[in-house]
Amino acid sequence: MASDRIVERRRVFQQYKEDVKERGKPFYPYAMFHDTVMSLVVVCVIAGLAIVWKYSTPGDHHGIEAGWLGKLYDAPADPGTFNFVPRPDWYFYFLFYLLRIFKWPNTVIIGTIGLPTVLLVLLLAVPFIDIRSERRLLRRPV
């Protein structure tokens, strides 16, 4: 069984190399280089926007006056507020509700660290668990 998979992988790799010779360039290094360059461009744009926002906001920033991107969030927190109920962002709701299921202090670590870690490891393992030779979704049985 394992030797069949090795033979199949070698055959698929040889087919890939033949396709590259016939039709184009391999993914590495050509497409990977383009992905890297575009990632750097995106990071530079985000950093540039952050710098523009910082130095174009109202207030005294080394002699540069008010700007057009809005107010900088520099007001201190109000400790006198007592009616504010903090709620998590939407992507943390599942952890927030796990705290209702797993009660403090005995099982809260299992609910907030253990269970999400196990689920993430299972999710990351799914491609390695799938051993079917057919990779196209349209050809797989339902």
Protein backbone atom coordinates (compact mmCIF):
# COMPACT_ATOMS: atom_id res chain seq x y z
CA MET A 1 0.00 0.00 0.00
CA ALA A 2 2.74 2.48 0.93
CA SER A 3 4.82 1.53 -2.09
CA ASP A 4 1.82 2.16 -4.36
CA ARG A 5 1.49 5.66 -2.99
CA ILE A 6 5.20 6.32 -3.51
CA VAL A 7 5.01 5.10 -7.11
CA GLU A 8 1.90 7.23 -7.69
CA ARG A 9 3.58 10.33 -6.27
CA ARG A 10 6.64 9.80 -8.45
CA ARG A 11 4.43 9.40 -11.52
CA VAL A 12 2.51 12.58 -10.72
CA PHE A 13 5.77 14.47 -10.12
CA GLN A 14 7.20 13.29 -13.44
CA GLN A 15 3.99 14.37 -15.16
CA TYR A 16 4.33 17.80 -13.51
CA LYS A 17 7.92 18.13 -14.75
CA GLU A 18 6.85 17.23 -18.28
CA ASP A 19 4.03 19.77 -18.16
CA VAL A 20 6.47 22.44 -17.00
CA LYS A 21 8.81 21.66 -19.91
CA GLU A 22 5.93 21.82 -22.41
CA ARG A 23 3.83 24.70 -21.18
CA GLY A 24 5.65 27.06 -18.88
CA LYS A 25 7.63 27.89 -15.81
CA PRO A 26 7.62 26.00 -12.51
CA PHE A 27 5.93 27.51 -9.47
CA TYR A 28 9.19 27.80 -7.57
CA PRO A 29 10.94 30.25 -7.96
CA TYR A 30 8.91 32.24 -10.52
CA ALA A 31 5.39 32.43 -9.09
CA MET A 32 6.71 32.38 -5.55
CA PHE A 33 8.87 35.42 -6.35
CA HIS A 34 5.83 37.29 -7.68
CA ASP A 35 3.83 36.38 -4.56
CA THR A 36 6.66 37.61 -2.34
CA VAL A 37 6.97 40.91 -4.20
CA MET A 38 3.22 41.54 -4.01
CA SER A 39 3.20 40.69 -0.29
CA LEU A 40 5.95 43.25 0.28
CA VAL A 41 3.98 45.83 -1.74
CA VAL A 42 0.90 45.24 0.43
CA VAL A 43 2.93 45.56 3.64
CA CYS A 44 4.53 48.79 2.37
CA VAL A 45 1.12 50.24 1.44
CA ILE A 46 -0.27 49.42 4.89
CA ALA A 47 2.80 50.92 6.61
CA GLY A 48 2.58 54.00 4.38
CA LEU A 49 -1.09 54.51 5.20
CA ALA A 50 -0.34 54.17 8.91
CA ILE A 51 2.42 56.78 8.66
CA VAL A 52 0.21 59.18 6.67
CA TRP A 53 -2.61 58.75 9.18
CA LYS A 54 -0.31 59.33 12.14
CA TYR A 55 1.14 62.56 10.80
CA SER A 56 -1.99 63.97 9.18
CA THR A 57 -4.30 63.80 12.20
CA PRO A 58 -5.29 66.80 14.31
CA GLY A 59 -2.85 67.74 17.00
CA ASP A 60 0.76 68.75 17.28
CA HIS A 61 2.98 66.15 15.64
CA HIS A 62 6.35 67.87 15.37
CA GLY A 63 4.91 71.04 13.82
CA ILE A 64 2.67 69.26 11.31
CA GLU A 65 -0.91 70.52 11.64
CA ALA A 66 -4.30 68.82 11.38
CA GLY A 67 -4.95 66.28 8.68
CA TRP A 68 -7.72 64.78 6.58
CA LEU A 69 -7.80 61.17 7.77
CA GLY A 70 -9.57 61.70 11.07
CA LYS A 71 -8.75 61.93 14.72
CA LEU A 72 -5.94 59.92 16.23
CA TYR A 73 -7.11 57.62 19.02
CA ASP A 74 -5.10 59.16 21.79
CA ALA A 75 -7.71 60.00 24.43
CA PRO A 76 -7.12 58.20 27.74
CA ALA A 77 -9.63 55.64 28.95
CA ASP A 78 -12.30 56.86 31.36
CA PRO A 79 -12.00 54.88 34.62
CA GLY A 80 -15.31 56.33 35.83
CA THR A 81 -17.35 54.30 33.35
CA PHE A 82 -19.14 51.55 35.25
CA ASN A 83 -21.95 50.50 32.91
CA PHE A 84 -19.77 49.19 30.08
CA VAL A 85 -19.99 45.43 29.54
CA PRO A 86 -17.01 44.20 27.52
CA ARG A 87 -17.89 41.76 24.73
CA PRO A 88 -15.45 39.86 22.52
CA ASP A 89 -15.15 40.39 18.79
CA TRP A 90 -17.10 38.01 16.56
CA TYR A 91 -14.15 35.71 15.92
CA PHE A 92 -13.77 35.03 19.65
CA TYR A 93 -17.45 34.21 20.31
CA PHE A 94 -16.83 30.47 20.31
CA LEU A 95 -14.20 30.84 23.07
CA PHE A 96 -16.50 33.16 24.98
CA TYR A 97 -19.30 30.60 24.94
CA LEU A 98 -16.91 27.77 25.80
CA LEU A 99 -16.34 29.63 29.07
CA ARG A 100 -20.03 29.08 29.85
CA ILE A 101 -19.68 25.34 29.32
CA PHE A 102 -16.34 24.82 31.09
CA LYS A 103 -16.64 26.34 34.56
CA TRP A 104 -13.86 28.10 36.41
CA PRO A 105 -11.30 27.00 37.73
CA ASN A 106 -11.26 23.26 37.15
CA THR A 107 -11.88 22.86 33.42
CA VAL A 108 -11.44 26.34 31.96
CA ILE A 109 -7.98 25.46 30.58
CA ILE A 110 -9.41 22.46 28.75
CA GLY A 111 -12.17 24.58 27.22
CA THR A 112 -10.13 27.60 26.20
CA ILE A 113 -6.78 26.07 25.25
CA GLY A 114 -7.12 22.29 24.97
CA LEU A 115 -10.27 21.93 22.86
CA PRO A 116 -9.43 24.69 20.32
CA THR A 117 -5.90 23.29 19.96
CA VAL A 118 -7.18 19.78 19.28
CA LEU A 119 -9.69 21.12 16.72
CA LEU A 120 -6.99 23.18 14.99
CA VAL A 121 -4.61 20.20 14.81
CA LEU A 122 -7.39 18.06 13.32
CA LEU A 123 -8.17 20.77 10.78
CA LEU A 124 -4.51 21.03 9.79
CA ALA A 125 -4.25 17.23 9.54
CA VAL A 126 -7.18 16.82 7.12
CA PRO A 127 -5.08 17.14 3.92
CA PHE A 128 -2.66 14.50 5.20
CA ILE A 129 -5.43 12.13 6.27
CA ASP A 130 -7.06 12.20 2.82
CA ILE A 131 -5.26 9.44 0.88
CA ARG A 132 -7.39 9.31 -2.25
CA SER A 133 -5.37 9.53 -5.44
CA GLU A 134 -7.97 11.67 -7.23
CA ARG A 135 -7.55 15.31 -6.23
CA ARG A 136 -10.15 16.98 -8.46
CA LEU A 137 -13.39 17.69 -6.61
CA LEU A 138 -15.61 17.07 -9.63
CA ARG A 139 -14.31 13.51 -10.03
CA ARG A 140 -14.82 12.48 -6.41
CA PRO A 141 -17.91 10.49 -5.47
CA VAL A 142 -20.49 12.29 -3.39
